C-alpha cells in the first residue's frame, strides 16, 4: 500500500488543479446567471432578507466571478479558500434552511461540501500548477 500511495501522490498537483477548476466552474456559472438576470437576483435576495439587495446582488455576482478566476489561476489560494468557505456557509444558512424541501437540503449539503473542498485547498495550497507556485 505504501508503494501505491507514493505513486498516487505524484498526481497531487494535477488533482489540485482539477479540483480548483471544478469548484471555480460553479462560481463562474453562478456569477454569469446572476449578472444575466440581475433583476431577478435582486428580487430573490430581497425575499431572503438580504440588506440593500440592489447593491448586494451585483457585488455578490462580482465576488463569485473573482473567486472563480482566482481559483482557476491559483492565486492567494489560502485567502481565497477561506473566503469561499465562509461565503458558502453564509449562503447555506441564508438561503437553504428549508430542509423539508429536499432540494433545499441538497443545496445546503452542497454548500457544506464546497466549504470542505475549500478547507482542503486551504490546507494544501494551490499546488504546482498555480500563480502561487510561480511566485515562489
C-alpha atoms as a PDB file:
ATOM      1  CA  UNK A   1       0.000   0.000   0.000  1.00  0.00           C
ATOM      2  CA  UNK A   2       2.842   2.417   0.780  1.00  0.00           C
ATOM      3  CA  UNK A   3       4.181   1.954  -2.753  1.00  0.00           C
ATOM      4  CA  UNK A   4       0.772   2.676  -4.262  1.00  0.00           C
ATOM      5  CA  UNK A   5       0.407   5.740  -2.043  1.00  0.00           C
ATOM      6  CA  UNK A   6       3.795   7.053  -3.214  1.00  0.00           C
ATOM      7  CA  UNK A   7       2.843   6.542  -6.869  1.00  0.00           C
ATOM      8  CA  UNK A   8      -0.521   8.221  -6.477  1.00  0.00           C
ATOM      9  CA  UNK A   9       0.972  11.180  -4.622  1.00  0.00           C
ATOM     10  CA  UNK A  10       2.684  12.037  -7.902  1.00  0.00           C
ATOM     11  CA  UNK A  11      -0.739  13.182  -9.091  1.00  0.00           C
ATOM     12  CA  UNK A  12      -1.326  15.619  -6.199  1.00  0.00           C
ATOM     13  CA  UNK A  13      -0.646  18.758  -8.222  1.00  0.00           C
ATOM     14  CA  UNK A  14      -2.855  17.782 -11.150  1.00  0.00           C
ATOM     15  CA  UNK A  15      -5.603  16.777  -8.714  1.00  0.00           C
ATOM     16  CA  UNK A  16      -5.342  20.188  -7.023  1.00  0.00           C
ATOM     17  CA  UNK A  17      -5.600  21.916 -10.413  1.00  0.00           C
ATOM     18  CA  UNK A  18      -8.630  19.862 -11.453  1.00  0.00           C
ATOM     19  CA  UNK A  19     -10.253  20.381  -8.041  1.00  0.00           C
ATOM     20  CA  UNK A  20      -9.731  24.149  -8.261  1.00  0.00           C
ATOM     21  CA  UNK A  21     -11.220  24.224 -11.764  1.00  0.00           C
ATOM     22  CA  UNK A  22     -14.253  22.151 -10.769  1.00  0.00           C
ATOM     23  CA  UNK A  23     -15.029  24.410  -7.816  1.00  0.00           C
ATOM     24  CA  UNK A  24     -14.393  27.512  -9.932  1.00  0.00           C
ATOM     25  CA  UNK A  25     -16.877  26.411 -12.608  1.00  0.00           C
ATOM     26  CA  UNK A  26     -19.655  26.522 -10.031  1.00  0.00           C
ATOM     27  CA  UNK A  27     -18.833  30.128  -9.114  1.00  0.00           C
ATOM     28  CA  UNK A  28     -18.353  31.277 -12.705  1.00  0.00           C
ATOM     29  CA  UNK A  29     -21.716  29.879 -13.778  1.00  0.00           C
ATOM     30  CA  UNK A  30     -23.428  31.308 -10.682  1.00  0.00           C
ATOM     31  CA  UNK A  31     -21.901  34.711 -11.416  1.00  0.00           C
ATOM     32  CA  UNK A  32     -22.962  34.601 -15.058  1.00  0.00           C
ATOM     33  CA  UNK A  33     -26.525  33.666 -14.112  1.00  0.00           C
ATOM     34  CA  UNK A  34     -26.725  36.448 -11.511  1.00  0.00           C
ATOM     35  CA  UNK A  35     -25.473  39.084 -13.975  1.00  0.00           C
ATOM     36  CA  UNK A  36     -27.738  37.748 -16.734  1.00  0.00           C
ATOM     37  CA  UNK A  37     -30.835  38.119 -14.537  1.00  0.00           C
ATOM     38  CA  UNK A  38     -29.752  40.824 -12.107  1.00  0.00           C
ATOM     39  CA  UNK A  39     -33.331  41.992 -11.541  1.00  0.00           C
ATOM     40  CA  UNK A  40     -34.463  38.509 -10.597  1.00  0.00           C
ATOM     41  CA  UNK A  41     -31.396  38.033  -8.400  1.00  0.00           C
ATOM     42  CA  UNK A  42     -32.166  41.289  -6.609  1.00  0.00           C
ATOM     43  CA  UNK A  43     -35.779  40.227  -6.092  1.00  0.00           C
ATOM     44  CA  UNK A  44     -34.656  36.848  -4.726  1.00  0.00           C
ATOM     45  CA  UNK A  45     -32.142  38.493  -2.384  1.00  0.00           C
ATOM     46  CA  UNK A  46     -34.859  40.878  -1.175  1.00  0.00           C
ATOM     47  CA  UNK A  47     -37.121  37.896  -0.451  1.00  0.00           C
ATOM     48  CA  UNK A  48     -34.295  36.302   1.552  1.00  0.00           C
ATOM     49  CA  UNK A  49     -33.934  39.475   3.602  1.00  0.00           C
ATOM     50  CA  UNK A  50     -30.515  40.459   2.266  1.00  0.00           C
ATOM     51  CA  UNK A  51     -29.970  44.115   3.212  1.00  0.00           C
ATOM     52  CA  UNK A  52     -29.573  46.510   0.261  1.00  0.00           C
ATOM     53  CA  UNK A  53     -30.291  43.691  -2.176  1.00  0.00           C
ATOM     54  CA  UNK A  54     -29.944  46.035  -5.157  1.00  0.00           C
ATOM     55  CA  UNK A  55     -26.335  46.671  -4.126  1.00  0.00           C
ATOM     56  CA  UNK A  56     -25.623  43.186  -2.773  1.00  0.00           C
ATOM     57  CA  UNK A  57     -26.705  41.329  -5.939  1.00  0.00           C
ATOM     58  CA  UNK A  58     -24.084  42.808  -8.295  1.00  0.00           C
ATOM     59  CA  UNK A  59     -21.442  42.737  -5.536  1.00  0.00           C
ATOM     60  CA  UNK A  60     -22.024  39.041  -4.893  1.00  0.00           C
ATOM     61  CA  UNK A  61     -22.027  38.291  -8.630  1.00  0.00           C
ATOM     62  CA  UNK A  62     -18.702  40.141  -8.924  1.00  0.00           C
ATOM     63  CA  UNK A  63     -17.332  38.286  -5.891  1.00  0.00           C
ATOM     64  CA  UNK A  64     -18.298  34.945  -7.437  1.00  0.00           C
ATOM     65  CA  UNK A  65     -16.634  35.915 -10.719  1.00  0.00           C
ATOM     66  CA  UNK A  66     -13.442  36.961  -8.921  1.00  0.00           C
ATOM     67  CA  UNK A  67     -13.403  33.810  -6.788  1.00  0.00           C
ATOM     68  CA  UNK A  68     -13.843  31.645  -9.893  1.00  0.00           C
ATOM     69  CA  UNK A  69     -10.943  33.301 -11.685  1.00  0.00           C
ATOM     70  CA  UNK A  70      -8.679  33.227  -8.614  1.00  0.00           C
ATOM     71  CA  UNK A  71      -9.404  29.532  -8.079  1.00  0.00           C
ATOM     72  CA  UNK A  72      -8.538  28.683 -11.673  1.00  0.00           C
ATOM     73  CA  UNK A  73      -5.259  30.581 -11.690  1.00  0.00           C
ATOM     74  CA  UNK A  74      -4.389  29.557  -8.129  1.00  0.00           C
ATOM     75  CA  UNK A  75      -3.629  32.999  -6.748  1.00  0.00           C
ATOM     76  CA  UNK A  76      -3.592  33.697  -2.990  1.00  0.00           C
ATOM     77  CA  UNK A  77      -5.153  30.270  -2.521  1.00  0.00           C
ATOM     78  CA  UNK A  78      -5.258  30.200   1.261  1.00  0.00           C
ATOM     79  CA  UNK A  79      -7.074  33.559   1.458  1.00  0.00           C
ATOM     80  CA  UNK A  80      -9.392  32.612  -1.420  1.00  0.00           C
ATOM     81  CA  UNK A  81     -10.141  29.224   0.137  1.00  0.00           C
ATOM     82  CA  UNK A  82     -11.137  30.768   3.472  1.00  0.00           C
ATOM     83  CA  UNK A  83     -13.286  33.354   1.664  1.00  0.00           C
ATOM     84  CA  UNK A  84     -15.017  30.581  -0.298  1.00  0.00           C
ATOM     85  CA  UNK A  85     -15.666  28.505   2.826  1.00  0.00           C
ATOM     86  CA  UNK A  86     -17.141  31.466   4.720  1.00  0.00           C
ATOM     87  CA  UNK A  87     -19.190  32.618   1.719  1.00  0.00           C
ATOM     88  CA  UNK A  88     -20.814  29.246   1.024  1.00  0.00           C
ATOM     89  CA  UNK A  89     -21.619  28.590   4.691  1.00  0.00           C
ATOM     90  CA  UNK A  90     -23.290  32.008   4.956  1.00  0.00           C
ATOM     91  CA  UNK A  91     -25.181  31.341   1.706  1.00  0.00           C
ATOM     92  CA  UNK A  92     -26.308  27.950   3.025  1.00  0.00           C
ATOM     93  CA  UNK A  93     -27.546  29.465   6.279  1.00  0.00           C
ATOM     94  CA  UNK A  94     -29.274  32.313   4.469  1.00  0.00           C
ATOM     95  CA  UNK A  95     -30.854  30.581   1.503  1.00  0.00           C
ATOM     96  CA  UNK A  96     -31.030  26.831   2.119  1.00  0.00           C
ATOM     97  CA  UNK A  97     -32.552  26.231   5.545  1.00  0.00           C
ATOM     98  CA  UNK A  98     -35.912  24.824   4.446  1.00  0.00           C
ATOM     99  CA  UNK A  99     -34.852  21.214   4.920  1.00  0.00           C
ATOM    100  CA  UNK A 100     -38.405  19.944   4.459  1.00  0.00           C
ATOM    101  CA  UNK A 101     -37.753  20.685   0.775  1.00  0.00           C
ATOM    102  CA  UNK A 102     -35.274  18.002  -0.334  1.00  0.00           C
ATOM    103  CA  UNK A 103     -33.880  20.339  -2.992  1.00  0.00           C
ATOM    104  CA  UNK A 104     -33.009  22.912  -0.329  1.00  0.00           C
ATOM    105  CA  UNK A 105     -31.432  20.240   1.838  1.00  0.00           C
ATOM    106  CA  UNK A 106     -29.338  19.126  -1.147  1.00  0.00           C
ATOM    107  CA  UNK A 107     -28.238  22.732  -1.775  1.00  0.00           C
ATOM    108  CA  UNK A 108     -27.345  23.116   1.903  1.00  0.00           C
ATOM    109  CA  UNK A 109     -25.261  19.939   1.819  1.00  0.00           C
ATOM    110  CA  UNK A 110     -23.660  21.001  -1.491  1.00  0.00           C
ATOM    111  CA  UNK A 111     -22.547  24.226   0.150  1.00  0.00           C
ATOM    112  CA  UNK A 112     -21.071  22.328   3.082  1.00  0.00           C
ATOM    113  CA  UNK A 113     -19.210  20.071   0.633  1.00  0.00           C
ATOM    114  CA  UNK A 114     -17.824  23.125  -1.182  1.00  0.00           C
ATOM    115  CA  UNK A 115     -16.708  24.524   2.183  1.00  0.00           C
ATOM    116  CA  UNK A 116     -14.962  21.211   2.857  1.00  0.00           C
ATOM    117  CA  UNK A 117     -13.203  21.342  -0.502  1.00  0.00           C
ATOM    118  CA  UNK A 118     -12.182  24.936   0.147  1.00  0.00           C
ATOM    119  CA  UNK A 119     -10.733  23.984   3.533  1.00  0.00           C
ATOM    120  CA  UNK A 120      -8.772  21.181   1.849  1.00  0.00           C
ATOM    121  CA  UNK A 121      -7.371  23.767  -0.593  1.00  0.00           C
ATOM    122  CA  UNK A 122      -6.542  25.982   2.366  1.00  0.00           C
ATOM    123  CA  UNK A 123      -4.578  23.139   3.949  1.00  0.00           C
ATOM    124  CA  UNK A 124      -2.808  22.015   0.765  1.00  0.00           C
ATOM    125  CA  UNK A 125      -2.316  25.279  -1.078  1.00  0.00           C
ATOM    126  CA  UNK A 126      -2.855  25.692  -4.802  1.00  0.00           C
ATOM    127  CA  UNK A 127      -0.251  23.184  -5.949  1.00  0.00           C
ATOM    128  CA  UNK A 128       2.430  23.311  -8.613  1.00  0.00           C
ATOM    129  CA  UNK A 129       0.163  24.499 -11.430  1.00  0.00           C
ATOM    130  CA  UNK A 130      -0.711  27.895 -10.000  1.00  0.00           C
ATOM    131  CA  UNK A 131       0.319  31.517  -9.813  1.00  0.00           C
ATOM    132  CA  UNK A 132       1.175  30.953  -6.155  1.00  0.00           C
ATOM    133  CA  UNK A 133       3.766  28.304  -7.094  1.00  0.00           C
ATOM    134  CA  UNK A 134       5.302  30.528  -9.777  1.00  0.00           C
ATOM    135  CA  UNK A 135       5.668  33.405  -7.305  1.00  0.00           C
ATOM    136  CA  UNK A 136       7.904  31.337  -5.004  1.00  0.00           C
END
